[in-house]
């Protein structure tokens, strides 16, 4: 049965989970672990549930779920910006109950960490392979570019049709660039390397990036993105962390060289 929810999205009453054969087929096609494919599937359903909240979907998962589902690495969490409103007004239990009813997946909130600028939710789910968990991170950071309303691509056959408010590619790119200064995460370097091949407005990226650095008191220089021994820091994690998320992994030295060359527009 199809109905229309308060956000104007189509919803359906389901009483069965997706067929396991479909997940196995997806795992074989992407050459990834079945558990990671199932988590990717579940994250799409959680995005459906949280799309009704006034916040903006962003980060690597927005790249993989919305913009480039066929070519991007998978992700293990959902990231949002919620510049306005009270975290306490998000009815987590009601969202999880609704998504469970729609998908047949069991959900429960296992942990909630909150401060005035940040909300993190750890959500346990029970799907075809048993229990696992996913994470949702929500920040207060201001949105500097106009978000876009996007339909979730139907990567799995039982996904409902719905729209999500998504951060622009230029702003996602700018946040990924700032992340290179703030932390040493292999997925950030991978994403920046991939984004350098996209057709985006680099002037806008630079402008937003510098504004975001200023907002956090970061004095930007290219040297801060590439500290001494960065390759040595990343190397132990490059294969181990990315192997869960993408089958074909580029050589780290190649990635670092191409990022350094590609980011000259920031100078």
Protein backbone atom coordinates (compact mmCIF):
# COMPACT_ATOMS: atom_id res chain seq x y z
CA UNK A 1 0.00 0.00 0.00
CA UNK A 2 1.25 3.48 -0.87
CA UNK A 3 0.50 6.56 1.22
CA UNK A 4 1.81 10.11 1.46
CA UNK A 5 3.57 11.18 4.66
CA UNK A 6 3.81 14.67 6.16
CA UNK A 7 6.92 15.48 4.12
CA UNK A 8 5.14 14.68 0.85
CA UNK A 9 7.21 11.53 0.31
CA UNK A 10 5.66 8.26 -0.76
CA UNK A 11 5.60 5.59 1.93
CA UNK A 12 4.73 1.90 1.79
CA UNK A 13 3.74 -0.68 4.31
CA UNK A 14 6.17 -3.59 4.03
CA UNK A 15 6.16 -6.79 6.01
CA UNK A 16 9.22 -8.48 4.52
CA UNK A 17 12.87 -7.58 4.14
CA UNK A 18 14.69 -7.34 0.85
CA UNK A 19 15.55 -10.67 -0.70
CA UNK A 20 18.99 -11.86 0.42
CA UNK A 21 19.80 -12.82 -3.17
CA UNK A 22 19.70 -9.15 -4.13
CA UNK A 23 22.24 -8.25 -1.45
CA UNK A 24 24.45 -11.17 -2.50
CA UNK A 25 24.29 -10.02 -6.11
CA UNK A 26 25.25 -6.48 -5.08
CA UNK A 27 28.13 -7.79 -2.94
CA UNK A 28 29.46 -9.87 -5.86
CA UNK A 29 29.13 -6.96 -8.27
CA UNK A 30 30.99 -4.54 -5.99
CA UNK A 31 33.32 -7.27 -4.66
CA UNK A 32 32.65 -6.25 -1.06
CA UNK A 33 31.69 -7.99 2.16
CA UNK A 34 28.00 -8.87 2.41
CA UNK A 35 27.74 -7.23 5.82
CA UNK A 36 28.97 -3.93 4.39
CA UNK A 37 26.42 -4.15 1.57
CA UNK A 38 23.66 -4.78 4.08
CA UNK A 39 24.76 -1.75 6.13
CA UNK A 40 24.70 0.38 2.97
CA UNK A 41 21.16 -0.86 2.36
CA UNK A 42 20.08 -0.11 5.93
CA UNK A 43 21.59 3.40 5.82
CA UNK A 44 19.33 4.21 2.88
CA UNK A 45 16.31 3.32 4.99
CA UNK A 46 17.59 5.42 7.89
CA UNK A 47 18.06 8.32 5.48
CA UNK A 48 14.42 7.86 4.50
CA UNK A 49 13.39 8.18 8.14
CA UNK A 50 15.53 11.20 8.95
CA UNK A 51 14.77 13.01 5.68
CA UNK A 52 11.67 14.43 7.35
CA UNK A 53 13.78 16.38 9.85
CA UNK A 54 14.81 19.94 8.93
CA UNK A 55 18.49 19.27 8.31
CA UNK A 56 20.93 18.84 5.44
CA UNK A 57 22.46 15.52 4.38
CA UNK A 58 26.20 15.80 3.73
CA UNK A 59 29.59 14.07 3.74
CA UNK A 60 30.91 10.96 2.05
CA UNK A 61 27.61 9.15 2.43
CA UNK A 62 25.82 11.89 0.49
CA UNK A 63 28.34 11.31 -2.31
CA UNK A 64 27.73 7.55 -2.29
CA UNK A 65 23.98 7.46 -1.66
CA UNK A 66 22.78 10.51 -3.63
CA UNK A 67 25.30 11.93 -6.08
CA UNK A 68 27.37 8.96 -7.30
CA UNK A 69 25.93 5.66 -6.00
CA UNK A 70 27.54 3.58 -8.76
CA UNK A 71 31.12 4.85 -8.48
CA UNK A 72 31.73 6.08 -4.92
CA UNK A 73 33.02 4.17 -1.95
CA UNK A 74 30.47 2.96 0.56
CA UNK A 75 30.10 4.57 3.96
CA UNK A 76 29.30 3.46 7.49
CA UNK A 77 27.31 6.39 8.86
CA UNK A 78 25.04 9.30 7.98
CA UNK A 79 26.15 12.92 8.39
CA UNK A 80 23.85 15.93 8.65
CA UNK A 81 24.02 19.65 9.42
CA UNK A 82 21.19 21.11 11.49
CA UNK A 83 21.92 24.85 11.89
CA UNK A 84 18.55 25.60 13.50
CA UNK A 85 16.18 23.86 15.86
CA UNK A 86 16.56 21.84 19.04
CA UNK A 87 18.12 18.38 18.93
CA UNK A 88 15.60 17.32 21.56
CA UNK A 89 12.76 17.95 19.11
CA UNK A 90 13.96 15.08 16.90
CA UNK A 91 11.67 12.19 17.82
CA UNK A 92 14.22 9.40 17.38
CA UNK A 93 11.97 6.63 18.65
CA UNK A 94 9.12 7.61 16.35
CA UNK A 95 11.47 7.79 13.33
CA UNK A 96 12.91 4.34 14.06
CA UNK A 97 9.44 2.89 14.63
CA UNK A 98 8.26 4.27 11.29
CA UNK A 99 11.31 3.03 9.36
CA UNK A 100 10.98 -0.39 10.97
CA UNK A 101 7.34 -0.60 9.92
CA UNK A 102 8.17 0.44 6.36
CA UNK A 103 11.23 -1.78 5.88
CA UNK A 104 10.78 -4.78 8.16
CA UNK A 105 14.18 -4.02 9.74
CA UNK A 106 14.35 -3.93 13.54
CA UNK A 107 15.87 -0.74 15.00
CA UNK A 108 16.73 0.45 18.50
CA UNK A 109 18.66 3.44 19.82
CA UNK A 110 21.70 2.09 21.70
CA UNK A 111 23.53 5.30 22.57
CA UNK A 112 22.96 9.05 22.36
CA UNK A 113 25.71 11.61 22.92
CA UNK A 114 24.80 15.27 22.80
CA UNK A 115 26.28 18.69 23.42
CA UNK A 116 25.04 22.08 22.16
CA UNK A 117 26.92 21.73 18.85
CA UNK A 118 26.75 18.01 18.14
CA UNK A 119 24.45 14.99 18.34
CA UNK A 120 25.63 11.44 17.76
CA UNK A 121 23.26 8.48 17.61
CA UNK A 122 24.33 4.84 17.61
CA UNK A 123 21.51 2.74 16.22
CA UNK A 124 21.36 -1.03 16.38
CA UNK A 125 19.57 -2.82 13.60
CA UNK A 126 18.50 -6.40 13.00
CA UNK A 127 18.30 -7.31 9.35
CA UNK A 128 19.01 -10.43 7.27
CA UNK A 129 22.47 -11.09 8.72
CA UNK A 130 21.63 -10.51 12.37
CA UNK A 131 22.46 -7.56 14.60
CA UNK A 132 24.76 -4.71 13.63
CA UNK A 133 24.81 -0.98 14.18
CA UNK A 134 25.09 2.29 12.30
CA UNK A 135 25.93 5.83 13.35
CA UNK A 136 24.31 9.20 12.70
CA UNK A 137 26.26 12.43 13.28
CA UNK A 138 24.47 15.78 13.33
CA UNK A 139 26.36 19.07 13.68
CA UNK A 140 25.27 22.67 14.13
CA UNK A 141 27.54 24.02 11.41
CA UNK A 142 26.05 26.70 9.16
CA UNK A 143 25.26 25.92 5.52
CA UNK A 144 27.04 28.37 3.19
CA UNK A 145 25.73 27.24 -0.20
CA UNK A 146 22.19 26.54 -1.33
CA UNK A 147 21.27 22.89 -0.60
CA UNK A 148 19.65 20.82 -3.31
CA UNK A 149 16.59 18.59 -3.15
CA UNK A 150 17.49 15.18 -4.52
CA UNK A 151 15.64 11.90 -4.99
CA UNK A 152 17.42 8.89 -3.49
CA UNK A 153 18.53 6.69 -6.42
CA UNK A 154 16.87 3.27 -6.24
CA UNK A 155 20.03 1.30 -5.51
CA UNK A 156 17.93 -1.47 -3.90
CA UNK A 157 14.60 -2.70 -5.22
CA UNK A 158 12.50 -2.01 -2.12
CA UNK A 159 13.75 1.53 -1.44
CA UNK A 160 10.85 3.96 -1.24
CA UNK A 161 10.68 7.04 -3.45
CA UNK A 162 11.63 10.12 -1.43
CA UNK A 163 13.61 13.34 -1.58
CA UNK A 164 16.32 14.54 0.78
CA UNK A 165 17.85 17.98 1.26
CA UNK A 166 21.51 17.56 0.35
CA UNK A 167 24.55 19.80 0.68
CA UNK A 168 25.91 21.07 -2.65
CA UNK A 169 28.90 19.31 -4.18
CA UNK A 170 31.02 22.45 -3.75
CA UNK A 171 30.27 22.65 -0.04
CA UNK A 172 30.85 18.93 0.51
CA UNK A 173 34.19 19.36 -1.27
CA UNK A 174 35.09 22.34 0.94
CA UNK A 175 34.30 20.38 4.11
CA UNK A 176 36.40 17.46 2.91
CA UNK A 177 39.30 19.85 2.26
CA UNK A 178 39.04 21.27 5.75
CA UNK A 179 38.97 17.73 7.13
CA UNK A 180 42.45 17.19 5.68
CA UNK A 181 43.69 19.79 8.16
CA UNK A 182 41.60 18.62 11.11
CA UNK A 183 42.27 14.87 11.01
CA UNK A 184 44.19 12.10 9.26
CA UNK A 185 41.44 9.87 7.87
CA UNK A 186 42.09 7.76 4.79
CA UNK A 187 38.53 8.19 3.54
CA UNK A 188 38.93 12.00 3.43
CA UNK A 189 42.00 11.77 1.21
CA UNK A 190 40.27 9.22 -0.99
CA UNK A 191 37.19 11.44 -1.34
CA UNK A 192 39.22 14.56 -2.11
CA UNK A 193 41.18 12.62 -4.73
CA UNK A 194 37.92 11.45 -6.34
CA UNK A 195 36.33 14.91 -6.16
CA UNK A 196 39.22 16.48 -8.01
CA UNK A 197 38.01 14.61 -11.11
CA UNK A 198 34.49 16.08 -10.89
CA UNK A 199 33.14 19.11 -12.72
CA UNK A 200 32.66 21.52 -9.82
CA UNK A 201 33.07 25.28 -9.41
CA UNK A 202 36.55 25.46 -7.89
CA UNK A 203 36.29 29.20 -7.24
CA UNK A 204 33.20 28.56 -5.15
CA UNK A 205 34.91 25.63 -3.42
CA UNK A 206 37.84 27.84 -2.44
CA UNK A 207 35.58 30.63 -1.16
CA UNK A 208 33.47 28.29 0.98
CA UNK A 209 36.54 26.41 2.19
CA UNK A 210 38.22 29.60 3.44
CA UNK A 211 34.99 30.67 5.15
CA UNK A 212 34.73 27.32 6.89
CA UNK A 213 38.36 27.51 8.01
CA UNK A 214 37.75 31.00 9.40
CA UNK A 215 34.64 29.83 11.25
CA UNK A 216 36.74 27.27 13.14
CA UNK A 217 39.76 29.50 13.63
CA UNK A 218 41.94 27.53 11.21
CA UNK A 219 44.83 29.43 9.67
CA UNK A 220 45.04 27.67 6.33
CA UNK A 221 48.17 26.75 4.43
CA UNK A 222 48.79 23.89 2.01
CA UNK A 223 51.57 22.66 4.30
CA UNK A 224 49.00 21.96 7.02
CA UNK A 225 47.25 19.55 4.67
CA UNK A 226 50.45 17.67 3.97
CA UNK A 227 52.54 17.46 7.16
CA UNK A 228 55.82 15.59 7.27
CA UNK A 229 55.46 11.80 7.11
CA UNK A 230 51.78 11.99 6.13
CA UNK A 231 52.13 8.97 3.85
CA UNK A 232 53.69 7.05 6.74
CA UNK A 233 50.74 7.98 8.95
CA UNK A 234 48.14 6.94 6.37
CA UNK A 235 49.83 3.83 4.96
CA UNK A 236 48.93 1.36 7.77
CA UNK A 237 45.26 2.24 7.41
CA UNK A 238 44.97 2.77 3.64
CA UNK A 239 44.26 -0.83 2.66
CA UNK A 240 42.67 -1.89 5.95
CA UNK A 241 40.06 0.86 6.16
CA UNK A 242 39.30 1.38 2.47
CA UNK A 243 39.07 -2.34 1.70
CA UNK A 244 35.74 -2.47 3.57
CA UNK A 245 34.33 0.39 1.49
CA UNK A 246 35.66 0.02 -2.05
CA UNK A 247 37.19 -2.85 -4.03
CA UNK A 248 39.53 -0.95 -6.34
CA UNK A 249 41.90 1.15 -4.25
CA UNK A 250 44.40 3.51 -5.88
CA UNK A 251 48.04 3.55 -4.87
CA UNK A 252 48.60 5.91 -1.93
CA UNK A 253 51.65 7.59 -3.49
CA UNK A 254 49.68 8.26 -6.67
CA UNK A 255 46.79 9.70 -4.64
CA UNK A 256 49.04 12.02 -2.62
CA UNK A 257 50.82 13.33 -5.72
CA UNK A 258 47.56 13.99 -7.57
CA UNK A 259 45.98 15.70 -4.56
CA UNK A 260 48.98 17.99 -4.12
CA UNK A 261 48.88 18.89 -7.80
CA UNK A 262 45.11 19.24 -7.84
CA UNK A 263 44.88 21.56 -4.84
CA UNK A 264 47.11 24.26 -6.28
CA UNK A 265 43.92 26.25 -6.93
CA UNK A 266 43.79 26.92 -3.17
CA UNK A 267 47.14 28.72 -3.21
